[in-house]
N, C-alpha and C. Protein backbone atom coordinates (compact mmCIF):
# COMPACT_ATOMS: atom_id res chain seq x y z
N MET A 1 0.86 -1.18 0.00
CA MET A 1 0.00 0.00 0.00
C MET A 1 0.90 1.23 0.00
N GLN A 2 0.42 2.26 -0.63
CA GLN A 2 1.19 3.49 -0.73
C GLN A 2 0.35 4.64 -0.18
N TRP A 3 0.92 5.40 0.78
CA TRP A 3 0.22 6.56 1.31
C TRP A 3 0.10 7.60 0.20
N GLY A 4 -1.03 8.25 0.12
CA GLY A 4 -1.24 9.30 -0.86
C GLY A 4 -2.39 10.20 -0.46
N GLU A 5 -2.59 11.23 -1.23
CA GLU A 5 -3.65 12.21 -0.96
C GLU A 5 -5.02 11.56 -0.83
N ARG A 6 -5.23 10.46 -1.53
CA ARG A 6 -6.54 9.82 -1.51
C ARG A 6 -6.97 9.40 -0.11
N TYR A 7 -5.98 9.23 0.80
CA TYR A 7 -6.29 8.83 2.17
C TYR A 7 -6.45 10.01 3.12
N GLU A 8 -6.12 11.20 2.69
CA GLU A 8 -6.19 12.35 3.58
C GLU A 8 -7.64 12.79 3.74
N LEU A 9 -8.05 12.86 5.02
CA LEU A 9 -9.43 13.24 5.33
C LEU A 9 -9.53 14.58 6.02
N GLY A 10 -8.40 15.23 6.24
CA GLY A 10 -8.41 16.58 6.79
C GLY A 10 -8.45 16.66 8.31
N ILE A 11 -8.24 15.54 8.98
CA ILE A 11 -8.10 15.54 10.43
C ILE A 11 -6.71 14.98 10.70
N ALA A 12 -5.82 15.83 11.19
CA ALA A 12 -4.40 15.49 11.30
C ALA A 12 -4.15 14.17 12.03
N ARG A 13 -4.78 13.99 13.19
CA ARG A 13 -4.55 12.75 13.96
C ARG A 13 -5.04 11.52 13.20
N MET A 14 -6.17 11.63 12.54
CA MET A 14 -6.71 10.52 11.77
C MET A 14 -5.79 10.22 10.58
N ASP A 15 -5.38 11.26 9.88
CA ASP A 15 -4.50 11.07 8.73
C ASP A 15 -3.18 10.44 9.14
N GLU A 16 -2.59 10.88 10.24
CA GLU A 16 -1.33 10.31 10.70
C GLU A 16 -1.50 8.85 11.10
N THR A 17 -2.58 8.53 11.77
CA THR A 17 -2.85 7.15 12.16
C THR A 17 -3.04 6.27 10.94
N HIS A 18 -3.71 6.78 9.92
CA HIS A 18 -3.88 6.01 8.69
C HIS A 18 -2.54 5.81 7.98
N ARG A 19 -1.70 6.82 8.00
CA ARG A 19 -0.36 6.69 7.40
C ARG A 19 0.41 5.58 8.13
N GLU A 20 0.33 5.57 9.46
CA GLU A 20 1.01 4.54 10.25
C GLU A 20 0.43 3.15 9.96
N PHE A 21 -0.89 3.05 9.80
CA PHE A 21 -1.53 1.78 9.48
C PHE A 21 -0.91 1.20 8.21
N ILE A 22 -0.74 2.04 7.20
CA ILE A 22 -0.14 1.61 5.94
C ILE A 22 1.31 1.17 6.16
N GLU A 23 2.05 1.91 6.97
CA GLU A 23 3.44 1.54 7.26
C GLU A 23 3.52 0.18 7.95
N TYR A 24 2.66 -0.06 8.93
CA TYR A 24 2.65 -1.36 9.62
C TYR A 24 2.25 -2.48 8.67
N CYS A 25 1.28 -2.22 7.83
CA CYS A 25 0.84 -3.23 6.85
C CYS A 25 1.99 -3.56 5.91
N ASN A 26 2.70 -2.55 5.44
CA ASN A 26 3.82 -2.77 4.53
C ASN A 26 4.96 -3.51 5.23
N ALA A 27 5.21 -3.19 6.49
CA ALA A 27 6.26 -3.89 7.24
C ALA A 27 5.90 -5.37 7.39
N LEU A 28 4.63 -5.65 7.62
CA LEU A 28 4.20 -7.04 7.75
C LEU A 28 4.34 -7.76 6.41
N THR A 29 4.00 -7.08 5.33
CA THR A 29 4.14 -7.67 4.00
C THR A 29 5.58 -8.05 3.71
N ALA A 30 6.52 -7.23 4.16
CA ALA A 30 7.94 -7.46 3.90
C ALA A 30 8.60 -8.39 4.92
N ALA A 31 7.88 -8.76 5.96
CA ALA A 31 8.46 -9.55 7.05
C ALA A 31 8.86 -10.96 6.59
N ALA A 32 10.03 -11.38 7.02
CA ALA A 32 10.46 -12.76 6.81
C ALA A 32 9.61 -13.67 7.68
N PRO A 33 9.46 -14.92 7.29
CA PRO A 33 8.61 -15.84 8.07
C PRO A 33 8.95 -15.88 9.56
N GLU A 34 10.23 -15.83 9.90
CA GLU A 34 10.62 -15.88 11.31
C GLU A 34 10.27 -14.61 12.08
N ASN A 35 9.98 -13.52 11.37
CA ASN A 35 9.61 -12.25 12.01
C ASN A 35 8.14 -11.91 11.84
N PHE A 36 7.42 -12.77 11.12
CA PHE A 36 6.03 -12.46 10.78
C PHE A 36 5.16 -12.28 12.02
N LEU A 37 5.26 -13.18 12.98
CA LEU A 37 4.41 -13.10 14.18
C LEU A 37 4.68 -11.81 14.96
N ALA A 38 5.92 -11.45 15.14
CA ALA A 38 6.25 -10.22 15.87
C ALA A 38 5.71 -9.00 15.13
N CYS A 39 5.84 -8.99 13.81
CA CYS A 39 5.31 -7.87 13.02
C CYS A 39 3.78 -7.85 13.06
N LEU A 40 3.17 -9.02 13.03
CA LEU A 40 1.71 -9.10 13.13
C LEU A 40 1.24 -8.58 14.48
N ASP A 41 1.94 -8.95 15.54
CA ASP A 41 1.59 -8.44 16.87
C ASP A 41 1.67 -6.91 16.92
N ALA A 42 2.72 -6.35 16.35
CA ALA A 42 2.86 -4.89 16.32
C ALA A 42 1.74 -4.25 15.51
N PHE A 43 1.39 -4.88 14.40
CA PHE A 43 0.32 -4.37 13.54
C PHE A 43 -1.03 -4.44 14.25
N ILE A 44 -1.30 -5.54 14.93
CA ILE A 44 -2.55 -5.67 15.68
C ILE A 44 -2.62 -4.63 16.80
N ALA A 45 -1.51 -4.45 17.51
CA ALA A 45 -1.49 -3.45 18.60
C ALA A 45 -1.76 -2.05 18.04
N HIS A 46 -1.13 -1.73 16.91
CA HIS A 46 -1.38 -0.42 16.30
C HIS A 46 -2.83 -0.29 15.85
N THR A 47 -3.35 -1.34 15.23
CA THR A 47 -4.72 -1.30 14.73
C THR A 47 -5.71 -1.15 15.88
N ALA A 48 -5.48 -1.84 16.98
CA ALA A 48 -6.36 -1.71 18.15
C ALA A 48 -6.32 -0.27 18.68
N ALA A 49 -5.14 0.32 18.78
CA ALA A 49 -5.03 1.71 19.25
C ALA A 49 -5.69 2.66 18.26
N HIS A 50 -5.51 2.42 16.98
CA HIS A 50 -6.11 3.22 15.91
C HIS A 50 -7.64 3.19 16.04
N PHE A 51 -8.19 1.98 16.15
CA PHE A 51 -9.64 1.85 16.25
C PHE A 51 -10.16 2.41 17.57
N ASP A 52 -9.42 2.21 18.66
CA ASP A 52 -9.83 2.77 19.95
C ASP A 52 -9.92 4.28 19.88
N GLN A 53 -8.95 4.89 19.21
CA GLN A 53 -8.97 6.36 19.06
C GLN A 53 -10.24 6.80 18.35
N GLU A 54 -10.54 6.20 17.22
CA GLU A 54 -11.74 6.58 16.47
C GLU A 54 -13.00 6.25 17.27
N ASN A 55 -13.00 5.11 17.96
CA ASN A 55 -14.17 4.74 18.77
C ASN A 55 -14.43 5.76 19.87
N ARG A 56 -13.37 6.27 20.50
CA ARG A 56 -13.55 7.31 21.54
C ARG A 56 -14.19 8.56 20.95
N TRP A 57 -13.74 8.95 19.77
CA TRP A 57 -14.33 10.12 19.12
C TRP A 57 -15.80 9.87 18.81
N MET A 58 -16.10 8.69 18.28
CA MET A 58 -17.49 8.38 17.93
C MET A 58 -18.38 8.35 19.16
N GLU A 59 -17.86 7.79 20.24
CA GLU A 59 -18.63 7.74 21.48
C GLU A 59 -18.89 9.15 22.01
N ALA A 60 -17.92 10.01 21.90
CA ALA A 60 -18.06 11.38 22.41
C ALA A 60 -19.15 12.16 21.67
N VAL A 61 -19.37 11.82 20.40
CA VAL A 61 -20.38 12.55 19.61
C VAL A 61 -21.59 11.68 19.27
N ASP A 62 -21.66 10.48 19.88
CA ASP A 62 -22.77 9.57 19.67
C ASP A 62 -22.95 9.23 18.19
N PHE A 63 -21.84 8.93 17.53
CA PHE A 63 -21.85 8.57 16.11
C PHE A 63 -22.40 7.15 15.96
N PRO A 64 -23.08 6.83 14.87
CA PRO A 64 -23.69 5.50 14.70
C PRO A 64 -22.71 4.34 14.95
N ALA A 65 -23.22 3.30 15.58
CA ALA A 65 -22.40 2.19 16.05
C ALA A 65 -21.90 1.25 14.96
N CYS A 66 -22.43 1.34 13.75
CA CYS A 66 -21.99 0.40 12.72
C CYS A 66 -20.51 0.56 12.41
N HIS A 67 -19.97 1.76 12.56
CA HIS A 67 -18.54 1.99 12.32
C HIS A 67 -17.72 1.25 13.36
N ARG A 68 -18.13 1.35 14.61
CA ARG A 68 -17.42 0.64 15.68
C ARG A 68 -17.52 -0.88 15.47
N ALA A 69 -18.67 -1.35 15.05
CA ALA A 69 -18.85 -2.78 14.79
C ALA A 69 -17.90 -3.25 13.69
N GLU A 70 -17.68 -2.42 12.71
CA GLU A 70 -16.72 -2.74 11.65
C GLU A 70 -15.33 -2.91 12.23
N HIS A 71 -14.92 -2.00 13.09
CA HIS A 71 -13.62 -2.11 13.76
C HIS A 71 -13.52 -3.41 14.54
N ASP A 72 -14.57 -3.73 15.28
CA ASP A 72 -14.57 -4.95 16.10
C ASP A 72 -14.41 -6.20 15.23
N ARG A 73 -15.09 -6.23 14.09
CA ARG A 73 -15.00 -7.40 13.20
C ARG A 73 -13.59 -7.56 12.65
N VAL A 74 -12.98 -6.47 12.24
CA VAL A 74 -11.63 -6.55 11.66
C VAL A 74 -10.64 -7.01 12.72
N LEU A 75 -10.72 -6.46 13.91
CA LEU A 75 -9.81 -6.89 14.98
C LEU A 75 -10.03 -8.36 15.34
N GLU A 76 -11.26 -8.80 15.33
CA GLU A 76 -11.54 -10.21 15.62
C GLU A 76 -10.87 -11.11 14.58
N VAL A 77 -10.99 -10.75 13.31
CA VAL A 77 -10.35 -11.53 12.25
C VAL A 77 -8.84 -11.52 12.43
N MET A 78 -8.26 -10.35 12.70
CA MET A 78 -6.82 -10.25 12.88
C MET A 78 -6.33 -11.13 14.04
N ARG A 79 -7.08 -11.11 15.13
CA ARG A 79 -6.68 -11.90 16.31
C ARG A 79 -6.83 -13.40 16.06
N GLU A 80 -7.86 -13.79 15.32
CA GLU A 80 -8.02 -15.21 14.99
C GLU A 80 -6.88 -15.67 14.08
N ILE A 81 -6.51 -14.83 13.14
CA ILE A 81 -5.40 -15.17 12.25
C ILE A 81 -4.10 -15.23 13.04
N ARG A 82 -3.94 -14.35 14.00
CA ARG A 82 -2.74 -14.37 14.83
C ARG A 82 -2.57 -15.72 15.52
N GLN A 83 -3.68 -16.28 16.01
CA GLN A 83 -3.62 -17.59 16.66
C GLN A 83 -3.14 -18.66 15.69
N ARG A 84 -3.56 -18.56 14.44
CA ARG A 84 -3.12 -19.53 13.42
C ARG A 84 -1.64 -19.34 13.11
N VAL A 85 -1.22 -18.09 12.99
CA VAL A 85 0.19 -17.80 12.69
C VAL A 85 1.08 -18.30 13.82
N GLU A 86 0.61 -18.16 15.04
CA GLU A 86 1.37 -18.64 16.20
C GLU A 86 1.64 -20.14 16.11
N LYS A 87 0.75 -20.86 15.42
CA LYS A 87 0.91 -22.31 15.24
C LYS A 87 1.61 -22.62 13.91
N ASN A 88 2.32 -21.61 13.39
CA ASN A 88 3.11 -21.73 12.15
C ASN A 88 2.28 -21.89 10.89
N ASP A 89 1.02 -21.45 10.92
CA ASP A 89 0.17 -21.44 9.73
C ASP A 89 0.18 -20.01 9.18
N LEU A 90 1.08 -19.75 8.25
CA LEU A 90 1.22 -18.40 7.69
C LEU A 90 0.25 -18.11 6.55
N PHE A 91 -0.44 -19.15 6.05
CA PHE A 91 -1.31 -18.95 4.90
C PHE A 91 -2.32 -17.83 5.13
N LEU A 92 -3.06 -17.89 6.24
CA LEU A 92 -4.09 -16.86 6.47
C LEU A 92 -3.45 -15.51 6.80
N GLY A 93 -2.27 -15.52 7.38
CA GLY A 93 -1.56 -14.27 7.61
C GLY A 93 -1.25 -13.56 6.31
N ARG A 94 -0.78 -14.32 5.34
CA ARG A 94 -0.49 -13.74 4.02
C ARG A 94 -1.79 -13.35 3.30
N ARG A 95 -2.83 -14.15 3.51
CA ARG A 95 -4.13 -13.84 2.90
C ARG A 95 -4.69 -12.54 3.47
N LEU A 96 -4.50 -12.32 4.76
CA LEU A 96 -4.92 -11.07 5.39
C LEU A 96 -4.31 -9.88 4.66
N LEU A 97 -3.05 -10.01 4.30
CA LEU A 97 -2.34 -8.92 3.63
C LEU A 97 -2.87 -8.67 2.22
N GLU A 98 -3.52 -9.65 1.63
CA GLU A 98 -4.16 -9.45 0.33
C GLU A 98 -5.51 -8.74 0.49
N GLU A 99 -6.20 -9.04 1.58
CA GLU A 99 -7.54 -8.51 1.80
C GLU A 99 -7.56 -7.12 2.43
N LEU A 100 -6.54 -6.79 3.22
CA LEU A 100 -6.56 -5.51 3.93
C LEU A 100 -6.54 -4.28 3.03
N PRO A 101 -5.73 -4.22 1.98
CA PRO A 101 -5.73 -3.00 1.16
C PRO A 101 -7.09 -2.63 0.58
N PRO A 102 -7.82 -3.56 -0.06
CA PRO A 102 -9.14 -3.14 -0.56
C PRO A 102 -10.11 -2.81 0.57
N TRP A 103 -10.02 -3.53 1.69
CA TRP A 103 -10.88 -3.21 2.83
C TRP A 103 -10.56 -1.79 3.32
N PHE A 104 -9.27 -1.49 3.50
CA PHE A 104 -8.86 -0.19 4.02
C PHE A 104 -9.31 0.93 3.07
N ASP A 105 -9.11 0.74 1.77
CA ASP A 105 -9.55 1.75 0.81
C ASP A 105 -11.04 2.05 0.98
N ASN A 106 -11.84 1.00 1.05
CA ASN A 106 -13.28 1.18 1.19
C ASN A 106 -13.64 1.80 2.54
N HIS A 107 -12.99 1.35 3.59
CA HIS A 107 -13.28 1.87 4.93
C HIS A 107 -12.95 3.36 5.02
N VAL A 108 -11.82 3.76 4.50
CA VAL A 108 -11.44 5.18 4.52
C VAL A 108 -12.42 5.99 3.67
N ASP A 109 -12.75 5.47 2.48
CA ASP A 109 -13.63 6.20 1.56
C ASP A 109 -15.06 6.33 2.05
N THR A 110 -15.50 5.43 2.93
CA THR A 110 -16.90 5.45 3.36
C THR A 110 -16.99 5.84 4.84
N MET A 111 -16.72 4.89 5.71
CA MET A 111 -16.94 5.11 7.14
C MET A 111 -16.05 6.19 7.73
N ASP A 112 -14.75 6.15 7.43
CA ASP A 112 -13.86 7.17 7.99
C ASP A 112 -14.12 8.54 7.38
N ALA A 113 -14.45 8.57 6.09
CA ALA A 113 -14.77 9.85 5.45
C ALA A 113 -16.02 10.47 6.08
N ALA A 114 -17.03 9.64 6.36
CA ALA A 114 -18.25 10.14 7.00
C ALA A 114 -17.94 10.65 8.40
N LEU A 115 -17.13 9.92 9.14
CA LEU A 115 -16.76 10.35 10.49
C LEU A 115 -15.97 11.65 10.44
N ALA A 116 -14.98 11.72 9.57
CA ALA A 116 -14.16 12.94 9.46
C ALA A 116 -15.03 14.14 9.09
N PHE A 117 -15.92 13.96 8.13
CA PHE A 117 -16.82 15.05 7.73
C PHE A 117 -17.64 15.52 8.92
N TYR A 118 -18.21 14.59 9.65
CA TYR A 118 -19.05 14.94 10.77
C TYR A 118 -18.26 15.63 11.88
N LEU A 119 -17.09 15.10 12.20
CA LEU A 119 -16.27 15.72 13.25
C LEU A 119 -15.91 17.15 12.88
N LYS A 120 -15.59 17.38 11.61
CA LYS A 120 -15.28 18.75 11.16
C LYS A 120 -16.54 19.62 11.20
N GLU A 121 -17.65 19.04 10.79
CA GLU A 121 -18.93 19.78 10.75
C GLU A 121 -19.32 20.30 12.13
N ILE A 122 -19.09 19.51 13.17
CA ILE A 122 -19.47 19.93 14.52
C ILE A 122 -18.29 20.54 15.29
N SER A 123 -17.17 20.75 14.59
CA SER A 123 -15.97 21.34 15.20
C SER A 123 -15.46 20.55 16.40
N PHE A 124 -15.50 19.23 16.29
CA PHE A 124 -15.01 18.36 17.36
C PHE A 124 -13.49 18.47 17.43
N ASP A 125 -12.97 18.61 18.63
CA ASP A 125 -11.53 18.72 18.84
C ASP A 125 -10.97 17.32 19.09
N THR A 126 -10.30 16.77 18.08
CA THR A 126 -9.76 15.41 18.22
C THR A 126 -8.58 15.35 19.18
N GLU A 127 -7.95 16.46 19.45
CA GLU A 127 -6.83 16.47 20.41
C GLU A 127 -7.34 16.33 21.84
N SER A 128 -8.38 17.09 22.17
CA SER A 128 -8.92 17.03 23.54
C SER A 128 -10.03 15.99 23.67
N GLY A 129 -10.63 15.61 22.53
CA GLY A 129 -11.75 14.67 22.57
C GLY A 129 -13.03 15.31 23.05
N ALA A 130 -13.18 16.62 22.81
CA ALA A 130 -14.34 17.34 23.33
C ALA A 130 -15.04 18.15 22.24
N LEU A 131 -16.33 18.31 22.46
CA LEU A 131 -17.11 19.22 21.62
C LEU A 131 -16.80 20.65 22.04
N PRO A 132 -16.93 21.60 21.13
CA PRO A 132 -16.75 22.99 21.53
C PRO A 132 -17.81 23.39 22.57
N ALA A 133 -17.51 24.38 23.36
CA ALA A 133 -18.39 24.81 24.44
C ALA A 133 -19.79 25.16 23.93
N ASN A 134 -19.90 25.68 22.73
CA ASN A 134 -21.20 26.10 22.20
C ASN A 134 -21.94 24.97 21.49
N GLN A 135 -21.39 23.76 21.50
CA GLN A 135 -21.99 22.62 20.80
C GLN A 135 -22.67 21.71 21.82
N SER A 136 -23.91 21.39 21.57
CA SER A 136 -24.63 20.51 22.50
C SER A 136 -24.45 19.05 22.11
N ALA A 137 -24.54 18.19 23.10
CA ALA A 137 -24.48 16.75 22.84
C ALA A 137 -25.67 16.32 21.99
N ALA A 138 -26.80 17.01 22.13
CA ALA A 138 -27.98 16.67 21.33
C ALA A 138 -27.70 16.85 19.85
N HIS A 139 -26.97 17.91 19.48
CA HIS A 139 -26.62 18.10 18.08
C HIS A 139 -25.73 16.96 17.60
N ALA A 140 -24.80 16.55 18.43
CA ALA A 140 -23.92 15.46 18.06
C ALA A 140 -24.70 14.18 17.83
N ARG A 141 -25.75 13.96 18.62
CA ARG A 141 -26.55 12.74 18.48
C ARG A 141 -27.40 12.74 17.23
N SER A 142 -27.44 13.84 16.51
CA SER A 142 -28.27 13.89 15.31
C SER A 142 -27.59 13.24 14.11
N ALA A 143 -26.40 12.68 14.27
CA ALA A 143 -25.70 12.01 13.16
C ALA A 143 -26.55 10.86 12.63
N GLN A 144 -26.62 10.76 11.34
CA GLN A 144 -27.37 9.68 10.70
C GLN A 144 -26.44 8.88 9.82
N GLY A 145 -26.59 7.57 9.83
CA GLY A 145 -25.79 6.71 8.97
C GLY A 145 -24.36 6.59 9.44
N CYS A 146 -23.64 5.69 8.82
CA CYS A 146 -22.26 5.48 9.24
C CYS A 146 -21.30 5.54 8.07
N GLY A 147 -21.75 5.98 6.93
CA GLY A 147 -20.87 6.05 5.79
C GLY A 147 -20.71 4.71 5.10
N CYS A 148 -21.72 3.86 5.21
CA CYS A 148 -21.62 2.51 4.66
C CYS A 148 -21.88 2.47 3.17
N SER A 149 -22.17 3.58 2.57
CA SER A 149 -22.34 3.67 1.14
C SER A 149 -23.53 2.82 0.70
N ALA A 150 -23.38 2.09 -0.38
CA ALA A 150 -24.51 1.33 -0.94
C ALA A 150 -24.60 -0.09 -0.43
N HIS A 151 -23.86 -0.41 0.61
CA HIS A 151 -23.90 -1.77 1.13
C HIS A 151 -24.26 -1.76 2.60
N ALA A 152 -24.61 -2.90 3.12
CA ALA A 152 -24.98 -3.02 4.53
C ALA A 152 -23.77 -2.78 5.41
N PRO A 153 -23.98 -2.28 6.62
CA PRO A 153 -22.85 -2.08 7.55
C PRO A 153 -22.06 -3.36 7.72
N GLY A 154 -20.75 -3.21 7.54
CA GLY A 154 -19.87 -4.36 7.75
C GLY A 154 -19.75 -5.28 6.56
N ALA A 155 -20.45 -4.99 5.48
CA ALA A 155 -20.43 -5.90 4.34
C ALA A 155 -19.04 -6.11 3.78
N ASP A 156 -18.18 -5.10 3.88
CA ASP A 156 -16.85 -5.24 3.32
C ASP A 156 -15.97 -6.21 4.09
N THR A 157 -16.28 -6.53 5.31
CA THR A 157 -15.48 -7.52 6.04
C THR A 157 -16.10 -8.91 5.94
N LYS A 158 -17.34 -9.01 5.54
CA LYS A 158 -17.99 -10.31 5.46
C LYS A 158 -17.28 -11.21 4.46
N LYS A 159 -16.69 -10.61 3.43
CA LYS A 159 -16.05 -11.42 2.40
C LYS A 159 -14.65 -11.88 2.80
N LEU A 160 -14.12 -11.36 3.88
CA LEU A 160 -12.77 -11.75 4.28
C LEU A 160 -12.69 -13.25 4.49
N PHE A 161 -11.80 -13.87 3.78
CA PHE A 161 -11.43 -15.28 3.96
C PHE A 161 -12.56 -16.27 3.69
N GLN A 162 -13.45 -15.90 2.77
CA GLN A 162 -14.49 -16.87 2.39
C GLN A 162 -13.94 -17.85 1.40
């Protein structure tokens, strides 16, 4: 995967975390078999922190839960694959690396783009994790949809490893 403008959503912390996600994914792709598990562990730890960050923002503004559910599904798949890799089954680990780029592209273009738009719209401060003083929680709760585009929430992860 290559970082580029197409991934920039205009929220510095989100953009930096996405850049790091790509770096971890690329490091895992390049990992030798004897280093694969350690690189996978680092990637999973980064992904969990990445998703936790976005989940905290969504919780603070009462953003629709389908985005969080998507994060949960991806982490579950990654952790299940980690268990297989630990038993020296690298097949699904390598398969994960084939599936993550299209998933990530779609996730950024839909769910993360919708979240970024909404956070900017309500002037949410991603550094402090707070709404501006003049913004009510009721306004934040008026968010509709999760950026799932023309498919059902989570549909992009359902195809993983079928």
